[in-house]
C-alpha atoms as a PDB file:
ATOM      1  CA  MET A   1      34.684 -55.158 -27.634  1.00  0.00           C
ATOM      2  CA  PHE A   2      31.577 -54.207 -25.760  1.00  0.00           C
ATOM      3  CA  LEU A   3      30.981 -57.808 -24.782  1.00  0.00           C
ATOM      4  CA  HIS A   4      34.455 -58.072 -23.344  1.00  0.00           C
ATOM      5  CA  PHE A   5      33.753 -55.002 -21.215  1.00  0.00           C
ATOM      6  CA  GLY A   6      30.474 -56.547 -20.004  1.00  0.00           C
ATOM      7  CA  VAL A   7      32.180 -59.857 -19.105  1.00  0.00           C
ATOM      8  CA  ALA A   8      34.941 -58.013 -17.247  1.00  0.00           C
ATOM      9  CA  THR A   9      32.387 -55.870 -15.319  1.00  0.00           C
ATOM     10  CA  LEU A  10      30.417 -58.964 -14.316  1.00  0.00           C
ATOM     11  CA  PHE A  11      33.621 -60.699 -13.310  1.00  0.00           C
ATOM     12  CA  ILE A  12      34.541 -57.808 -10.949  1.00  0.00           C
ATOM     13  CA  ALA A  13      31.014 -57.667  -9.530  1.00  0.00           C
ATOM     14  CA  ILE A  14      30.892 -61.395  -8.857  1.00  0.00           C
ATOM     15  CA  GLY A  15      34.405 -61.185  -7.347  1.00  0.00           C
ATOM     16  CA  ILE A  16      33.072 -58.617  -4.869  1.00  0.00           C
ATOM     17  CA  TRP A  17      30.147 -60.936  -4.166  1.00  0.00           C
ATOM     18  CA  VAL A  18      32.599 -63.781  -3.476  1.00  0.00           C
ATOM     19  CA  TYR A  19      34.588 -61.595  -1.109  1.00  0.00           C
ATOM     20  CA  VAL A  20      31.450 -60.615   0.794  1.00  0.00           C
ATOM     21  CA  SER A  21      30.327 -64.234   1.053  1.00  0.00           C
ATOM     22  CA  VAL A  22      33.751 -65.351   2.316  1.00  0.00           C
ATOM     23  CA  SER A  23      33.855 -62.528   4.835  1.00  0.00           C
ATOM     24  CA  LEU A  24      30.400 -63.460   6.159  1.00  0.00           C
ATOM     25  CA  ASN A  25      31.316 -67.204   6.264  1.00  0.00           C
ATOM     26  CA  LYS A  26      28.575 -68.058   3.764  1.00  0.00           C
ATOM     27  CA  PRO A  27      28.908 -70.638   0.944  1.00  0.00           C
ATOM     28  CA  TYR A  28      30.409 -69.199  -2.202  1.00  0.00           C
ATOM     29  CA  PHE A  29      30.341 -72.096  -4.630  1.00  0.00           C
ATOM     30  CA  LEU A  30      27.754 -70.486  -6.886  1.00  0.00           C
ATOM     31  CA  GLN A  31      29.805 -67.312  -7.252  1.00  0.00           C
ATOM     32  CA  THR A  32      33.003 -69.253  -7.940  1.00  0.00           C
ATOM     33  CA  GLY A  33      31.223 -71.291 -10.610  1.00  0.00           C
ATOM     34  CA  LEU A  34      29.929 -68.096 -12.205  1.00  0.00           C
ATOM     35  CA  MET A  35      33.450 -66.634 -12.255  1.00  0.00           C
ATOM     36  CA  VAL A  36      34.762 -69.773 -13.969  1.00  0.00           C
ATOM     37  CA  LEU A  37      31.897 -69.546 -16.461  1.00  0.00           C
ATOM     38  CA  LEU A  38      32.775 -65.899 -17.216  1.00  0.00           C
ATOM     39  CA  ILE A  39      36.432 -66.858 -17.812  1.00  0.00           C
ATOM     40  CA  LEU A  40      35.296 -69.566 -20.278  1.00  0.00           C
ATOM     41  CA  MET A  41      32.965 -67.040 -21.905  1.00  0.00           C
ATOM     42  CA  TRP A  42      35.833 -64.559 -22.317  1.00  0.00           C
ATOM     43  CA  LEU A  43      38.017 -67.247 -23.856  1.00  0.00           C
ATOM     44  CA  ALA A  44      35.213 -68.140 -26.315  1.00  0.00           C
ATOM     45  CA  LEU A  45      34.817 -64.454 -27.247  1.00  0.00           C
ATOM     46  CA  TYR A  46      38.574 -64.175 -27.781  1.00  0.00           C
ATOM     47  CA  ILE A  47      38.782 -67.301 -29.927  1.00  0.00           C
ATOM     48  CA  PHE A  48      35.752 -66.423 -32.065  1.00  0.00           C
ATOM     49  CA  GLY A  49      37.117 -62.903 -32.493  1.00  0.00           C
ATOM     50  CA  ARG A  50      40.441 -64.208 -33.765  1.00  0.00           C
ATOM     51  CA  LEU A  51      38.689 -66.662 -36.110  1.00  0.00           C
ATOM     52  CA  GLY A  52      36.498 -63.893 -37.462  1.00  0.00           C
ATOM     53  CA  LYS A  53      39.485 -61.631 -37.997  1.00  0.00           C
ATOM     54  CA  ARG A  54      41.288 -64.388 -39.919  1.00  0.00           C
ATOM     55  CA  LYS A  55      38.192 -65.164 -42.015  1.00  0.00           C
ATOM     56  CA  GLY A  56      37.627 -61.468 -42.897  1.00  0.00           C
ATOM     57  CA  ARG A  57      41.221 -60.725 -43.888  1.00  0.00           C
ATOM     58  CA  PRO A  58      40.867 -61.636 -47.609  1.00  0.00           C
ATOM     59  CA  GLN A  59      37.855 -59.384 -47.973  1.00  0.00           C
ATOM     60  CA  MET A  60      39.711 -56.565 -46.205  1.00  0.00           C
ATOM     61  CA  GLU A  61      42.564 -56.919 -48.704  1.00  0.00           C
ATOM     62  CA  VAL A  62      40.127 -56.730 -51.634  1.00  0.00           C
ATOM     63  CA  LEU A  63      38.499 -53.599 -50.150  1.00  0.00           C
ATOM     64  CA  HIS A  64      41.927 -52.051 -49.569  1.00  0.00           C
ATOM     65  CA  GLN A  65      42.911 -52.682 -53.137  1.00  0.00           C
ATOM     66  CA  PHE A  66      39.598 -51.231 -54.315  1.00  0.00           C
ATOM     67  CA  MET A  67      40.258 -48.102 -52.269  1.00  0.00           C
ATOM     68  CA  MET A  68      43.864 -47.689 -53.417  1.00  0.00           C
ATOM     69  CA  GLU A  69      43.172 -47.832 -57.145  1.00  0.00           C
ATOM     70  CA  PRO A  70      41.267 -44.525 -57.337  1.00  0.00           C
ATOM     71  CA  LEU A  71      43.718 -42.871 -54.972  1.00  0.00           C
ATOM     72  CA  GLU A  72      46.679 -43.919 -57.122  1.00  0.00           C
ATOM     73  CA  ILE A  73      44.923 -42.570 -60.230  1.00  0.00           C
ATOM     74  CA  ALA A  74      44.128 -39.287 -58.478  1.00  0.00           C
ATOM     75  CA  ASN A  75      47.663 -38.994 -57.192  1.00  0.00           C
ATOM     76  CA  ALA A  76      49.067 -39.687 -60.695  1.00  0.00           C
ATOM     77  CA  PHE A  77      46.791 -37.010 -62.137  1.00  0.00           C
ATOM     78  CA  LYS A  78      47.728 -34.531 -59.426  1.00  0.00           C
ATOM     79  CA  THR A  79      51.518 -34.956 -59.953  1.00  0.00           C
ATOM     80  CA  ALA A  80      51.117 -34.826 -63.778  1.00  0.00           C
ATOM     81  CA  THR A  81      49.372 -31.412 -63.668  1.00  0.00           C
ATOM     82  CA  LEU A  82      51.842 -29.744 -61.297  1.00  0.00           C
ATOM     83  CA  PRO A  83      54.340 -27.387 -62.957  1.00  0.00           C
END
């Protein structure tokens, strides 16, 4: 998530740089190219994040089951000892 924030911050900063260059009638091809590169970088971060989430799901389910087993035992013991 931190990387997404960094890419967004750079995108805004370069957007300001583009605006200043356009206002001063200076060339702004470099800034525009950097903005396109940041958009592609954000898309790559998004895609790799989704792939990582999908790949980690089976392990998350195993860990969830591992956590729920002791809780179910504790809950069964707790309800059995209540009057």
